[in-house]
Protein backbone atom coordinates (compact mmCIF):
# COMPACT_ATOMS: atom_id res chain seq x y z
CA MET A 1 107.97 36.47 16.32
CA GLN A 2 110.16 36.48 13.12
CA ARG A 3 113.93 37.16 14.32
CA ASP A 4 116.80 38.61 12.31
CA ALA A 5 120.47 37.35 12.79
CA CYS A 6 121.55 38.53 15.96
CA GLY A 7 118.26 36.98 17.46
CA LEU A 8 116.32 40.40 17.85
CA PRO A 9 112.25 39.97 16.31
CA SER A 10 112.34 41.76 13.10
CA CYS A 11 110.90 44.77 12.42
CA ARG A 12 108.97 46.17 10.04
CA ALA A 13 109.29 50.60 9.38
CA GLY A 14 105.53 50.47 8.68
CA LEU A 15 105.27 48.51 12.54
CA ARG A 16 102.88 51.75 14.47
CA ARG A 17 102.77 49.23 17.46
CA LEU A 18 102.22 45.28 18.84
CA MET A 19 99.20 44.63 21.21
CA LEU A 20 100.37 42.09 23.50
CA LEU A 21 98.22 40.18 24.97
CA VAL A 22 97.33 39.19 28.65
CA ASP A 23 94.81 37.11 29.84
CA SER A 24 93.23 38.89 32.96
CA ARG A 25 93.55 36.41 35.03
CA HIS A 26 97.11 35.30 35.69
CA GLY A 27 98.34 38.65 34.82
CA LEU A 28 102.31 38.31 33.10
CA LYS A 29 103.85 35.36 32.33
CA ASP A 30 107.54 34.89 32.32
CA SER A 31 106.80 34.23 28.43
CA ASP A 32 105.37 37.36 28.60
CA ARG A 33 108.46 39.48 30.36
CA GLU A 34 110.68 37.82 27.70
CA VAL A 35 108.63 39.12 25.05
CA MET A 36 108.35 43.18 26.71
CA ALA A 37 112.47 42.75 26.69
CA MET A 38 113.42 41.81 23.47
CA LEU A 39 110.73 44.15 22.15
CA ASP A 40 112.07 46.74 24.32
CA GLU A 41 115.46 45.77 22.68
CA ALA A 42 115.00 46.24 19.51
CA ALA A 43 112.95 49.25 19.95
CA VAL A 44 109.53 48.16 18.70
CA SER A 45 106.39 50.35 20.40
CA TYR A 46 104.03 47.99 21.65
CA GLN A 47 100.69 48.00 24.23
CA ALA A 48 99.10 45.71 26.41
CA VAL A 49 95.70 44.10 26.43
CA LEU A 50 94.24 42.31 29.28
CA THR A 51 92.35 40.29 28.23
CA LYS A 52 89.19 38.47 29.65
CA ILE A 53 87.99 40.40 31.95
CA ASP A 54 85.53 39.76 33.20
CA LYS A 55 86.65 35.99 34.48
CA SER A 56 89.06 37.93 36.81
CA ALA A 57 86.71 40.40 38.21
CA GLY A 58 87.36 40.18 41.99
CA ALA A 59 91.53 40.90 40.88
CA LEU A 60 90.79 42.51 38.10
CA ALA A 61 92.01 46.20 40.15
CA ALA A 62 95.03 44.85 41.34
CA THR A 63 95.92 42.52 38.34
CA SER A 64 96.30 45.75 35.67
CA ASP A 65 97.59 47.84 38.95
CA ALA A 66 100.65 45.52 38.87
CA VAL A 67 100.60 45.26 35.08
CA ALA A 68 100.91 49.03 34.39
CA ALA A 69 103.42 49.38 36.89
CA GLU A 70 105.29 46.62 35.23
CA LEU A 71 104.28 48.12 32.19
CA ALA A 72 105.73 51.60 33.52
CA ARG A 73 109.90 50.22 33.48
CA HIS A 74 109.83 49.14 30.14
CA VAL A 75 111.20 51.55 27.06
CA ALA A 76 109.00 50.47 24.05
CA ALA A 77 106.21 49.80 26.05
CA HIS A 78 102.80 52.36 25.38
CA PRO A 79 101.49 53.49 28.83
CA VAL A 80 98.03 53.04 28.17
CA LEU A 81 96.54 49.95 29.37
CA LEU A 82 94.04 48.18 27.40
CA ALA A 83 91.38 45.51 29.09
CA THR A 84 89.00 43.38 27.12
CA SER A 85 86.09 40.63 27.21
CA ALA A 86 85.39 39.00 24.16
CA GLU A 87 83.01 37.60 25.60
CA THR A 88 80.59 40.90 27.20
CA GLY A 89 82.51 43.14 24.77
CA ALA A 90 83.56 45.30 26.94
CA GLY A 91 86.90 47.54 26.15
CA ILE A 92 86.46 46.58 22.50
CA ALA A 93 85.28 49.39 21.46
CA ALA A 94 88.56 50.76 23.31
CA LEU A 95 91.16 48.49 21.48
CA ARG A 96 89.00 49.35 18.20
CA ALA A 97 90.06 53.42 18.34
CA ALA A 98 93.07 52.58 20.10
CA ILE A 99 93.96 50.27 16.09
CA ALA A 100 92.09 52.83 13.86
CA ALA A 101 93.83 55.93 15.45
CA LEU A 102 97.53 53.80 14.73
CA ALA A 103 96.24 53.37 11.57
CA ALA A 104 95.00 56.15 10.50
CA GLY A 105 98.62 57.36 10.95
CA PRO A 106 101.26 59.36 13.34
CA ASP A 107 98.64 63.00 13.25
CA SER A 108 96.28 61.61 14.48
CA ARG A 109 97.91 60.49 17.71
């Protein structure tokens, strides 16, 4: 992530939302929390996307709940948590639709 002179992520005017990929087997890590804090401070909107949901079947609900609860405490976090699996294709259509809605512009959200 490129940083400006103040050490914050540099922003582009056209950036609508950053997608933060979170491995569902591990949940949020300290490095994710650092990025989230920087994004909050820089007022950059972001949305978490749980990945590898096919590999965390039993713990997925608990991980999802924990990540959602933590995201709720961050001002720049989008409240909708997406969950995907590249292996099975689960959630990919929803992720694509979310990205397409962002690309279409502010009137489509």
